[in-house]
Amino acid sequence: MVRSFFLTVALMFSTMITTTAFGQTAADAVFDSKGWVGGLFGLHVPTYDDVDSRTAWGITAGAKMGSEIGLGAYYLSAPGDASLGGAGGEFNYSLVGIELTYQFEGEASGMYFGGRLGLTSLETSVATVTNDFNPYHWGALVGYNHFLARTISIGGEGTFFSVPKDSDASGVPAQSKAFEIISLMASMKFWF
């Protein structure tokens, strides 16, 4: 995993070096580009008891409706181990949903903030007992896209997610606790 992270950083660095020679300004890229697709990689910190922070990855795609409002979708995955109830186990979750963003222009070009809303797929397992929960989630995000060229940006985003409690009707009846997630992700996006 560390090796793939360094390969990603090397790719972003080499892209930055080769694209700066084209003389493209970030403002030109923002005005010309209306849609994006990209990857995310970073850190998730869930506040669930006995669950540690973990690496996360994801994808995002969307389009600008006009010059400042963006509508998109995302998928984030953060599998990991946990010591639920003092015993070893797993605490795996993924988030999928839609996002609505306000994308700044002018001096603050590249900055954006907005909201996210979607479904959570949460799987917990302790010993031989596995429970699946599917609560909704909501969140607020802020981020920045630094354009290297008209079609490539690197950046980062921070999101606060809130996940309410949910019941598992299949298998062994159980209820998950409500928890929050702080997400800090680096991004690389391709614009069209």
N, C-alpha and C. Protein backbone atom coordinates (compact mmCIF):
# COMPACT_ATOMS: atom_id res chain seq x y z
N MET A 1 0.82 -1.18 0.00
CA MET A 1 0.00 0.00 0.00
C MET A 1 0.87 1.25 0.00
N VAL A 2 1.95 1.23 0.77
CA VAL A 2 2.87 2.37 0.81
C VAL A 2 3.50 2.57 -0.56
N ARG A 3 3.83 1.47 -1.22
CA ARG A 3 4.44 1.54 -2.54
C ARG A 3 3.49 2.21 -3.54
N SER A 4 2.21 1.85 -3.53
CA SER A 4 1.24 2.45 -4.45
C SER A 4 1.04 3.92 -4.14
N PHE A 5 1.11 4.30 -2.87
CA PHE A 5 0.98 5.71 -2.50
C PHE A 5 2.13 6.51 -3.10
N PHE A 6 3.36 6.01 -2.97
CA PHE A 6 4.51 6.72 -3.52
C PHE A 6 4.46 6.77 -5.05
N LEU A 7 3.96 5.72 -5.69
CA LEU A 7 3.80 5.75 -7.14
C LEU A 7 2.78 6.81 -7.56
N THR A 8 1.71 6.95 -6.79
CA THR A 8 0.71 7.98 -7.08
C THR A 8 1.30 9.37 -6.93
N VAL A 9 2.06 9.59 -5.87
CA VAL A 9 2.71 10.89 -5.66
C VAL A 9 3.69 11.18 -6.78
N ALA A 10 4.46 10.17 -7.20
CA ALA A 10 5.42 10.37 -8.29
C ALA A 10 4.70 10.70 -9.59
N LEU A 11 3.57 10.05 -9.85
CA LEU A 11 2.79 10.35 -11.05
C LEU A 11 2.27 11.78 -11.02
N MET A 12 1.74 12.21 -9.86
CA MET A 12 1.23 13.58 -9.75
C MET A 12 2.36 14.59 -9.94
N PHE A 13 3.54 14.32 -9.37
CA PHE A 13 4.67 15.23 -9.49
C PHE A 13 5.14 15.32 -10.94
N SER A 14 5.24 14.17 -11.62
CA SER A 14 5.68 14.20 -13.02
C SER A 14 4.64 14.89 -13.90
N THR A 15 3.37 14.72 -13.59
CA THR A 15 2.31 15.41 -14.34
C THR A 15 2.43 16.92 -14.14
N MET A 16 2.72 17.34 -12.91
CA MET A 16 2.85 18.76 -12.62
C MET A 16 4.01 19.36 -13.40
N ILE A 17 5.12 18.67 -13.48
CA ILE A 17 6.28 19.18 -14.19
C ILE A 17 6.01 19.29 -15.69
N THR A 18 5.37 18.28 -16.27
CA THR A 18 5.14 18.30 -17.72
C THR A 18 4.02 19.24 -18.13
N THR A 19 3.05 19.49 -17.26
CA THR A 19 1.93 20.34 -17.65
C THR A 19 2.17 21.82 -17.41
N THR A 20 3.09 22.18 -16.55
CA THR A 20 3.32 23.60 -16.31
C THR A 20 3.97 24.28 -17.50
N ALA A 21 4.55 23.52 -18.39
CA ALA A 21 5.19 24.10 -19.58
C ALA A 21 4.17 24.61 -20.60
N PHE A 22 2.91 24.25 -20.47
CA PHE A 22 1.90 24.67 -21.44
C PHE A 22 1.38 26.08 -21.20
N GLY A 23 1.68 26.68 -20.08
CA GLY A 23 1.29 28.06 -19.80
C GLY A 23 -0.20 28.24 -19.52
N GLN A 24 -0.90 27.21 -19.11
CA GLN A 24 -2.33 27.29 -18.83
C GLN A 24 -2.55 27.85 -17.43
N THR A 25 -3.40 28.83 -17.30
CA THR A 25 -3.69 29.38 -15.98
C THR A 25 -4.86 28.65 -15.36
N ALA A 26 -4.94 28.67 -14.05
CA ALA A 26 -6.04 28.01 -13.35
C ALA A 26 -7.37 28.65 -13.69
N ALA A 27 -7.39 29.96 -13.84
CA ALA A 27 -8.64 30.64 -14.16
C ALA A 27 -9.20 30.19 -15.50
N ASP A 28 -8.33 30.02 -16.52
CA ASP A 28 -8.79 29.54 -17.82
C ASP A 28 -9.36 28.14 -17.71
N ALA A 29 -8.72 27.29 -16.94
CA ALA A 29 -9.17 25.91 -16.80
C ALA A 29 -10.54 25.86 -16.13
N VAL A 30 -10.75 26.68 -15.09
CA VAL A 30 -12.01 26.67 -14.37
C VAL A 30 -13.15 27.11 -15.28
N PHE A 31 -12.94 28.11 -16.10
CA PHE A 31 -14.01 28.61 -16.96
C PHE A 31 -14.33 27.65 -18.09
N ASP A 32 -13.35 26.91 -18.58
CA ASP A 32 -13.55 26.02 -19.73
C ASP A 32 -14.08 24.66 -19.32
N SER A 33 -13.73 24.16 -18.16
CA SER A 33 -14.06 22.80 -17.75
C SER A 33 -15.40 22.75 -17.05
N LYS A 34 -16.26 21.84 -17.49
CA LYS A 34 -17.59 21.73 -16.90
C LYS A 34 -17.83 20.41 -16.16
N GLY A 35 -17.05 19.38 -16.45
CA GLY A 35 -17.26 18.10 -15.80
C GLY A 35 -15.95 17.53 -15.28
N TRP A 36 -16.03 16.61 -14.31
CA TRP A 36 -14.82 16.01 -13.75
C TRP A 36 -15.06 14.55 -13.38
N VAL A 37 -13.97 13.81 -13.35
CA VAL A 37 -13.93 12.46 -12.81
C VAL A 37 -12.56 12.32 -12.16
N GLY A 38 -12.51 11.71 -10.98
CA GLY A 38 -11.23 11.64 -10.30
C GLY A 38 -11.18 10.62 -9.19
N GLY A 39 -9.99 10.52 -8.62
CA GLY A 39 -9.74 9.59 -7.53
C GLY A 39 -9.39 10.33 -6.25
N LEU A 40 -9.68 9.70 -5.13
CA LEU A 40 -9.40 10.26 -3.81
C LEU A 40 -8.63 9.22 -2.99
N PHE A 41 -7.70 9.69 -2.18
CA PHE A 41 -6.95 8.80 -1.29
C PHE A 41 -6.60 9.59 -0.04
N GLY A 42 -6.79 8.98 1.14
CA GLY A 42 -6.47 9.72 2.34
C GLY A 42 -6.78 8.97 3.62
N LEU A 43 -7.24 9.71 4.61
CA LEU A 43 -7.43 9.23 5.97
C LEU A 43 -8.86 9.46 6.42
N HIS A 44 -9.46 8.44 7.05
CA HIS A 44 -10.77 8.57 7.69
C HIS A 44 -10.60 8.32 9.18
N VAL A 45 -11.25 9.15 9.98
CA VAL A 45 -11.21 9.00 11.43
C VAL A 45 -12.64 8.85 11.93
N PRO A 46 -13.12 7.59 12.10
CA PRO A 46 -14.47 7.39 12.64
C PRO A 46 -14.47 7.53 14.16
N THR A 47 -15.57 8.03 14.72
CA THR A 47 -15.65 8.23 16.17
C THR A 47 -16.33 7.06 16.88
N TYR A 48 -16.51 5.95 16.21
CA TYR A 48 -17.13 4.76 16.80
C TYR A 48 -16.20 4.20 17.87
N ASP A 49 -16.76 3.73 18.98
CA ASP A 49 -15.94 3.17 20.07
C ASP A 49 -15.09 2.00 19.58
N ASP A 50 -13.83 1.96 20.00
CA ASP A 50 -12.88 0.89 19.71
C ASP A 50 -12.55 0.73 18.22
N VAL A 51 -12.72 1.79 17.44
CA VAL A 51 -12.39 1.76 16.01
C VAL A 51 -11.33 2.82 15.75
N ASP A 52 -10.24 2.41 15.12
CA ASP A 52 -9.13 3.32 14.84
C ASP A 52 -9.29 4.01 13.50
N SER A 53 -8.44 5.04 13.29
CA SER A 53 -8.40 5.71 11.98
C SER A 53 -7.87 4.72 10.95
N ARG A 54 -8.16 5.01 9.68
CA ARG A 54 -7.78 4.08 8.63
C ARG A 54 -7.61 4.80 7.31
N THR A 55 -6.87 4.17 6.41
CA THR A 55 -6.74 4.74 5.07
C THR A 55 -8.05 4.51 4.33
N ALA A 56 -8.32 5.44 3.41
CA ALA A 56 -9.55 5.36 2.62
C ALA A 56 -9.24 5.75 1.19
N TRP A 57 -10.05 5.28 0.28
CA TRP A 57 -9.92 5.64 -1.13
C TRP A 57 -11.31 5.85 -1.69
N GLY A 58 -11.38 6.48 -2.85
CA GLY A 58 -12.69 6.69 -3.44
C GLY A 58 -12.60 7.28 -4.83
N ILE A 59 -13.77 7.47 -5.42
CA ILE A 59 -13.88 8.10 -6.73
C ILE A 59 -14.95 9.18 -6.65
N THR A 60 -14.83 10.17 -7.51
CA THR A 60 -15.80 11.25 -7.58
C THR A 60 -16.00 11.64 -9.03
N ALA A 61 -17.19 12.07 -9.35
CA ALA A 61 -17.51 12.54 -10.70
C ALA A 61 -18.64 13.54 -10.60
N GLY A 62 -18.68 14.46 -11.55
CA GLY A 62 -19.76 15.44 -11.52
C GLY A 62 -19.64 16.43 -12.65
N ALA A 63 -20.52 17.42 -12.60
CA ALA A 63 -20.55 18.46 -13.61
C ALA A 63 -20.98 19.77 -12.98
N LYS A 64 -20.50 20.86 -13.56
CA LYS A 64 -20.91 22.18 -13.11
C LYS A 64 -22.18 22.57 -13.86
N MET A 65 -23.15 23.06 -13.12
CA MET A 65 -24.40 23.54 -13.70
C MET A 65 -24.30 25.07 -13.71
N GLY A 66 -23.87 25.62 -14.81
CA GLY A 66 -23.57 27.04 -14.84
C GLY A 66 -22.11 27.22 -14.49
N SER A 67 -21.78 28.35 -13.91
CA SER A 67 -20.37 28.61 -13.63
C SER A 67 -19.94 28.30 -12.20
N GLU A 68 -20.87 28.24 -11.24
CA GLU A 68 -20.46 28.09 -9.84
C GLU A 68 -21.05 26.91 -9.09
N ILE A 69 -22.16 26.36 -9.53
CA ILE A 69 -22.82 25.26 -8.82
C ILE A 69 -22.43 23.94 -9.47
N GLY A 70 -21.99 22.99 -8.64
CA GLY A 70 -21.62 21.66 -9.13
C GLY A 70 -22.50 20.59 -8.52
N LEU A 71 -22.86 19.59 -9.31
CA LEU A 71 -23.64 18.45 -8.86
C LEU A 71 -22.83 17.20 -9.19
N GLY A 72 -22.58 16.37 -8.19
CA GLY A 72 -21.74 15.21 -8.43
C GLY A 72 -22.13 14.00 -7.61
N ALA A 73 -21.34 12.96 -7.74
CA ALA A 73 -21.54 11.72 -7.00
C ALA A 73 -20.18 11.24 -6.48
N TYR A 74 -20.21 10.41 -5.45
CA TYR A 74 -18.97 9.91 -4.86
C TYR A 74 -19.16 8.51 -4.33
N TYR A 75 -18.05 7.79 -4.22
CA TYR A 75 -17.99 6.49 -3.56
C TYR A 75 -16.70 6.48 -2.75
N LEU A 76 -16.80 6.22 -1.45
CA LEU A 76 -15.64 6.16 -0.56
C LEU A 76 -15.64 4.83 0.17
N SER A 77 -14.48 4.21 0.31
CA SER A 77 -14.37 2.93 0.99
C SER A 77 -13.27 3.01 2.05
N ALA A 78 -13.56 2.48 3.25
CA ALA A 78 -12.60 2.51 4.35
C ALA A 78 -12.69 1.24 5.18
N PRO A 79 -12.10 0.14 4.70
CA PRO A 79 -12.10 -1.10 5.48
C PRO A 79 -11.04 -1.05 6.58
N GLY A 80 -11.27 -1.82 7.64
CA GLY A 80 -10.27 -1.85 8.70
C GLY A 80 -10.66 -2.74 9.86
N ASP A 81 -9.70 -2.99 10.72
CA ASP A 81 -9.91 -3.81 11.91
C ASP A 81 -10.41 -2.96 13.06
N ALA A 82 -10.98 -3.63 14.04
CA ALA A 82 -11.48 -2.95 15.24
C ALA A 82 -11.41 -3.92 16.41
N SER A 83 -11.47 -3.38 17.61
CA SER A 83 -11.53 -4.22 18.81
C SER A 83 -12.88 -3.98 19.49
N LEU A 84 -13.94 -4.29 18.76
CA LEU A 84 -15.30 -4.06 19.25
C LEU A 84 -15.58 -4.94 20.46
N GLY A 85 -15.98 -4.32 21.55
CA GLY A 85 -16.29 -5.07 22.77
C GLY A 85 -15.07 -5.74 23.38
N GLY A 86 -13.86 -5.27 23.05
CA GLY A 86 -12.65 -5.85 23.60
C GLY A 86 -12.13 -7.05 22.81
N ALA A 87 -12.91 -7.53 21.86
CA ALA A 87 -12.48 -8.66 21.03
C ALA A 87 -12.08 -8.16 19.65
N GLY A 88 -11.22 -8.87 18.98
CA GLY A 88 -10.82 -8.50 17.63
C GLY A 88 -11.98 -8.64 16.67
N GLY A 89 -11.97 -7.83 15.65
CA GLY A 89 -13.03 -7.91 14.66
C GLY A 89 -12.77 -6.96 13.51
N GLU A 90 -13.79 -6.78 12.69
CA GLU A 90 -13.69 -5.88 11.55
C GLU A 90 -14.77 -4.83 11.62
N PHE A 91 -14.46 -3.67 11.06
CA PHE A 91 -15.39 -2.55 10.97
C PHE A 91 -15.16 -1.93 9.59
N ASN A 92 -15.92 -2.40 8.62
CA ASN A 92 -15.75 -1.96 7.23
C ASN A 92 -16.95 -1.12 6.82
N TYR A 93 -16.68 -0.01 6.15
CA TYR A 93 -17.80 0.78 5.65
C TYR A 93 -17.45 1.41 4.31
N SER A 94 -18.50 1.69 3.57
CA SER A 94 -18.37 2.44 2.33
C SER A 94 -19.52 3.45 2.28
N LEU A 95 -19.26 4.57 1.64
CA LEU A 95 -20.23 5.65 1.53
C LEU A 95 -20.46 5.94 0.06
N VAL A 96 -21.70 6.02 -0.35
CA VAL A 96 -22.04 6.36 -1.72
C VAL A 96 -23.16 7.40 -1.69
N GLY A 97 -23.06 8.41 -2.53
CA GLY A 97 -24.09 9.44 -2.50
C GLY A 97 -23.88 10.53 -3.51
N ILE A 98 -24.63 11.61 -3.32
CA ILE A 98 -24.56 12.77 -4.21
C ILE A 98 -24.01 13.96 -3.43
N GLU A 99 -23.44 14.91 -4.18
CA GLU A 99 -22.92 16.11 -3.55
C GLU A 99 -23.35 17.33 -4.36
N LEU A 100 -23.58 18.42 -3.65
CA LEU A 100 -23.91 19.70 -4.25
C LEU A 100 -22.87 20.68 -3.75
N THR A 101 -22.15 21.34 -4.68
CA THR A 101 -21.06 22.23 -4.28
C THR A 101 -21.20 23.62 -4.88
N TYR A 102 -20.63 24.58 -4.18
CA TYR A 102 -20.47 25.93 -4.70
C TYR A 102 -18.99 26.09 -5.01
N GLN A 103 -18.66 26.39 -6.27
CA GLN A 103 -17.28 26.47 -6.71
C GLN A 103 -16.93 27.93 -6.98
N PHE A 104 -15.99 28.43 -6.22
CA PHE A 104 -15.62 29.84 -6.30
C PHE A 104 -14.95 30.18 -7.63
N GLU A 105 -15.08 31.43 -8.03
CA GLU A 105 -14.41 31.96 -9.22
C GLU A 105 -13.56 33.15 -8.80
N GLY A 106 -12.81 33.70 -9.72
CA GLY A 106 -12.00 34.89 -9.44
C GLY A 106 -10.79 34.57 -8.61
N GLU A 107 -10.53 35.40 -7.59
CA GLU A 107 -9.35 35.24 -6.74
C GLU A 107 -9.33 33.92 -5.98
N ALA A 108 -10.49 33.39 -5.64
CA ALA A 108 -10.57 32.14 -4.89
C ALA A 108 -10.82 30.95 -5.81
N SER A 109 -10.49 31.08 -7.08
CA SER A 109 -10.72 30.03 -8.06
C SER A 109 -10.08 28.72 -7.61
N GLY A 110 -10.85 27.64 -7.67
CA GLY A 110 -10.38 26.33 -7.24
C GLY A 110 -10.96 25.90 -5.91
N MET A 111 -11.37 26.85 -5.07
CA MET A 111 -11.97 26.53 -3.77
C MET A 111 -13.42 26.12 -3.97
N TYR A 112 -13.90 25.20 -3.14
CA TYR A 112 -15.30 24.81 -3.17
C TYR A 112 -15.76 24.35 -1.80
N PHE A 113 -17.05 24.46 -1.55
CA PHE A 113 -17.65 23.91 -0.35
C PHE A 113 -19.03 23.39 -0.71
N GLY A 114 -19.58 22.53 0.12
CA GLY A 114 -20.89 21.98 -0.20
C GLY A 114 -21.35 20.95 0.79
N GLY A 115 -22.31 20.15 0.36
CA GLY A 115 -22.89 19.12 1.20
C GLY A 115 -22.96 17.79 0.48
N ARG A 116 -22.99 16.73 1.26
CA ARG A 116 -23.09 15.37 0.73
C ARG A 116 -24.21 14.64 1.45
N LEU A 117 -24.90 13.76 0.72
CA LEU A 117 -25.99 12.98 1.27
C LEU A 117 -26.01 11.62 0.57
N GLY A 118 -26.11 10.54 1.35
CA GLY A 118 -26.09 9.23 0.71
C GLY A 118 -26.36 8.09 1.66
N LEU A 119 -26.00 6.89 1.21
CA LEU A 119 -26.19 5.67 1.98
C LEU A 119 -24.85 5.10 2.44
N THR A 120 -24.86 4.50 3.61
CA THR A 120 -23.68 3.88 4.18
C THR A 120 -23.88 2.37 4.19
N SER A 121 -22.85 1.64 3.82
CA SER A 121 -22.85 0.19 3.95
C SER A 121 -21.83 -0.14 5.03
N LEU A 122 -22.31 -0.57 6.19
CA LEU A 122 -21.45 -0.83 7.34
C LEU A 122 -21.53 -2.30 7.70
N GLU A 123 -20.36 -2.96 7.77
CA GLU A 123 -20.30 -4.37 8.17
C GLU A 123 -19.39 -4.48 9.38
N THR A 124 -19.94 -5.03 10.46
CA THR A 124 -19.14 -5.27 11.66
C THR A 124 -19.10 -6.76 11.92
N SER A 125 -17.96 -7.23 12.40
CA SER A 125 -17.87 -8.65 12.74
C SER A 125 -17.00 -8.81 13.98
N VAL A 126 -17.48 -9.63 14.89
CA VAL A 126 -16.75 -10.00 16.10
C VAL A 126 -16.87 -11.51 16.21
N ALA A 127 -15.73 -12.18 16.24
CA ALA A 127 -15.69 -13.65 16.27
C ALA A 127 -16.46 -14.19 15.06
N THR A 128 -17.54 -14.93 15.29
CA THR A 128 -18.30 -15.51 14.18
C THR A 128 -19.58 -14.74 13.87
N VAL A 129 -19.83 -13.65 14.57
CA VAL A 129 -21.06 -12.87 14.37
C VAL A 129 -20.78 -11.69 13.45
N THR A 130 -21.52 -11.62 12.34
CA THR A 130 -21.39 -10.52 11.38
C THR A 130 -22.72 -9.81 11.25
N ASN A 131 -22.69 -8.50 11.30
CA ASN A 131 -23.89 -7.69 11.13
C ASN A 131 -23.70 -6.70 10.00
N ASP A 132 -24.76 -6.51 9.22
CA ASP A 132 -24.75 -5.54 8.12
C ASP A 132 -25.76 -4.45 8.43
N PHE A 133 -25.32 -3.20 8.34
CA PHE A 133 -26.18 -2.04 8.58
C PHE A 133 -26.14 -1.16 7.34
N ASN A 134 -27.24 -0.46 7.07
CA ASN A 134 -27.32 0.42 5.90
C ASN A 134 -27.99 1.75 6.24
N PRO A 135 -27.41 2.52 7.15
CA PRO A 135 -28.00 3.83 7.46
C PRO A 135 -27.65 4.86 6.38
N TYR A 136 -28.38 5.95 6.38
CA TYR A 136 -28.01 7.06 5.50
C TYR A 136 -26.89 7.85 6.16
N HIS A 137 -26.32 8.80 5.48
CA HIS A 137 -25.34 9.71 6.06
C HIS A 137 -25.48 11.07 5.39
N TRP A 138 -24.99 12.08 6.06
CA TRP A 138 -24.93 13.42 5.49
C TRP A 138 -23.60 14.03 5.90
N GLY A 139 -23.17 15.05 5.17
CA GLY A 139 -21.89 15.66 5.50
C GLY A 139 -21.70 17.02 4.86
N ALA A 140 -20.73 17.73 5.37
CA ALA A 140 -20.33 19.04 4.84
C ALA A 140 -18.87 18.94 4.41
N LEU A 141 -18.55 19.52 3.24
CA LEU A 141 -17.19 19.41 2.74
C LEU A 141 -16.65 20.76 2.30
N VAL A 142 -15.32 20.84 2.31
CA VAL A 142 -14.60 21.99 1.79
C VAL A 142 -13.37 21.44 1.08
N GLY A 143 -13.00 22.05 -0.05
CA GLY A 143 -11.87 21.53 -0.79
C GLY A 143 -11.24 22.56 -1.71
N TYR A 144 -10.18 22.12 -2.37
CA TYR A 144 -9.45 22.98 -3.30
C TYR A 144 -8.92 22.14 -4.45
N ASN A 145 -9.10 22.65 -5.68
CA ASN A 145 -8.55 22.04 -6.88
C ASN A 145 -7.48 22.97 -7.45
N HIS A 146 -6.25 22.51 -7.50
CA HIS A 146 -5.16 23.29 -8.11
C HIS A 146 -4.96 22.75 -9.53
N PHE A 147 -5.26 23.60 -10.52
CA PHE A 147 -5.18 23.16 -11.91
C PHE A 147 -3.74 23.18 -12.39
N LEU A 148 -3.30 22.04 -12.90
CA LEU A 148 -1.98 21.93 -13.51
C LEU A 148 -2.07 22.22 -15.00
N ALA A 149 -3.22 21.97 -15.58
CA ALA A 149 -3.51 22.21 -17.00
C ALA A 149 -5.03 22.29 -17.12
N ARG A 150 -5.51 22.48 -18.33
CA ARG A 150 -6.96 22.56 -18.55
C ARG A 150 -7.69 21.31 -18.09
N THR A 151 -7.05 20.18 -18.17
CA THR A 151 -7.75 18.92 -17.92
C THR A 151 -7.29 18.17 -16.68
N ILE A 152 -6.35 18.70 -15.91
CA ILE A 152 -5.83 17.97 -14.75
C ILE A 152 -5.74 18.90 -13.55
N SER A 153 -6.24 18.41 -12.41
CA SER A 153 -6.07 19.15 -11.16
C SER A 153 -5.68 18.19 -10.05
N ILE A 154 -4.92 18.70 -9.10
CA ILE A 154 -4.63 17.98 -7.86
C ILE A 154 -5.15 18.86 -6.73
N GLY A 155 -5.47 18.26 -5.62
CA GLY A 155 -6.00 19.07 -4.53
C GLY A 155 -6.29 18.22 -3.32
N GLY A 156 -7.18 18.73 -2.51
CA GLY A 156 -7.55 18.03 -1.30
C GLY A 156 -8.91 18.48 -0.83
N GLU A 157 -9.51 17.65 0.01
CA GLU A 157 -10.81 18.00 0.58
C GLU A 157 -10.95 17.42 1.96
N GLY A 158 -11.71 18.10 2.77
CA GLY A 158 -12.04 17.64 4.10
C GLY A 158 -13.55 17.56 4.22
N THR A 159 -14.04 16.46 4.78
CA THR A 159 -15.48 16.26 4.93
C THR A 159 -15.78 15.79 6.34
N PHE A 160 -16.86 16.32 6.89
CA PHE A 160 -17.40 15.83 8.16
C PHE A 160 -18.67 15.06 7.82
N PHE A 161 -18.70 13.77 8.14
CA PHE A 161 -19.89 12.94 7.91
C PHE A 161 -20.55 12.60 9.23
N SER A 162 -21.87 12.52 9.23
CA SER A 162 -22.63 12.04 10.38
C SER A 162 -23.44 10.83 9.93
N VAL A 163 -23.30 9.73 10.68
CA VAL A 163 -23.99 8.47 10.35
C VAL A 163 -24.87 8.11 11.55
N PRO A 164 -26.21 8.07 11.37
CA PRO A 164 -27.09 7.73 12.50
C PRO A 164 -27.08 6.23 12.81
N LYS A 165 -27.68 5.85 13.94
CA LYS A 165 -27.75 4.44 14.30
C LYS A 165 -28.71 3.71 13.36
N ASP A 166 -28.53 2.38 13.29
CA ASP A 166 -29.35 1.57 12.40
C ASP A 166 -29.48 0.18 12.99
N SER A 167 -30.52 -0.55 12.57
CA SER A 167 -30.75 -1.93 13.04
C SER A 167 -30.46 -2.92 11.93
N ASP A 168 -29.98 -4.10 12.32
CA ASP A 168 -29.74 -5.19 11.38
C ASP A 168 -30.83 -6.22 11.58
N ALA A 169 -31.71 -6.35 10.60
CA ALA A 169 -32.82 -7.29 10.71
C ALA A 169 -32.42 -8.69 10.26
N SER A 170 -31.36 -8.80 9.46
CA SER A 170 -30.92 -10.12 9.00
C SER A 170 -29.91 -10.70 9.98
N GLY A 171 -29.86 -12.00 10.05
CA GLY A 171 -28.88 -12.64 10.93
C GLY A 171 -29.20 -12.39 12.40
N VAL A 172 -28.19 -12.09 13.18
CA VAL A 172 -28.36 -11.82 14.60
C VAL A 172 -28.82 -10.39 14.78
N PRO A 173 -30.00 -10.16 15.39
CA PRO A 173 -30.49 -8.78 15.56
C PRO A 173 -29.49 -7.94 16.37
N ALA A 174 -29.20 -6.78 15.86
CA ALA A 174 -28.26 -5.88 16.54
C ALA A 174 -28.55 -4.45 16.11
N GLN A 175 -27.98 -3.51 16.83
CA GLN A 175 -28.14 -2.11 16.47
C GLN A 175 -26.78 -1.44 16.49
N SER A 176 -26.48 -0.67 15.44
CA SER A 176 -25.22 0.08 15.41
C SER A 176 -25.41 1.40 16.14
N LYS A 177 -24.31 1.95 16.61
CA LYS A 177 -24.35 3.26 17.26
C LYS A 177 -24.21 4.35 16.21
N ALA A 178 -24.71 5.53 16.54
CA ALA A 178 -24.47 6.68 15.67
C ALA A 178 -23.01 7.09 15.81
N PHE A 179 -22.40 7.54 14.72
CA PHE A 179 -21.01 7.98 14.78
C PHE A 179 -20.74 9.01 13.70
N GLU A 180 -19.60 9.66 13.82
CA GLU A 180 -19.17 10.66 12.85
C GLU A 180 -17.86 10.20 12.22
N ILE A 181 -17.56 10.77 11.05
CA ILE A 181 -16.32 10.47 10.35
C ILE A 181 -15.70 11.79 9.92
N ILE A 182 -14.43 11.97 10.21
CA ILE A 182 -13.67 13.09 9.65
C ILE A 182 -12.83 12.51 8.53
N SER A 183 -13.02 13.05 7.34
CA SER A 183 -12.36 12.55 6.14
C SER A 183 -11.41 13.61 5.59
N LEU A 184 -10.13 13.25 5.45
CA LEU A 184 -9.12 14.13 4.85
C LEU A 184 -8.53 13.40 3.66
N MET A 185 -8.82 13.89 2.44
CA MET A 185 -8.47 13.16 1.23
C MET A 185 -7.70 14.04 0.25
N ALA A 186 -6.70 13.46 -0.39
CA ALA A 186 -6.02 14.11 -1.52
C ALA A 186 -6.77 13.69 -2.78
N SER A 187 -6.77 14.57 -3.78
CA SER A 187 -7.53 14.26 -4.99
C SER A 187 -6.70 14.51 -6.25
N MET A 188 -7.03 13.78 -7.28
CA MET A 188 -6.53 14.03 -8.63
C MET A 188 -7.72 13.88 -9.55
N LYS A 189 -8.03 14.96 -10.29
CA LYS A 189 -9.23 14.96 -11.12
C LYS A 189 -8.87 15.28 -12.57
N PHE A 190 -9.64 14.67 -13.46
CA PHE A 190 -9.53 14.95 -14.89
C PHE A 190 -10.78 15.71 -15.30
N TRP A 191 -10.61 16.83 -15.97
CA TRP A 191 -11.72 17.73 -16.32
C TRP A 191 -11.98 17.66 -17.81
N PHE A 192 -13.22 17.80 -18.19
CA PHE A 192 -13.59 17.77 -19.61
C PHE A 192 -14.68 18.79 -19.89
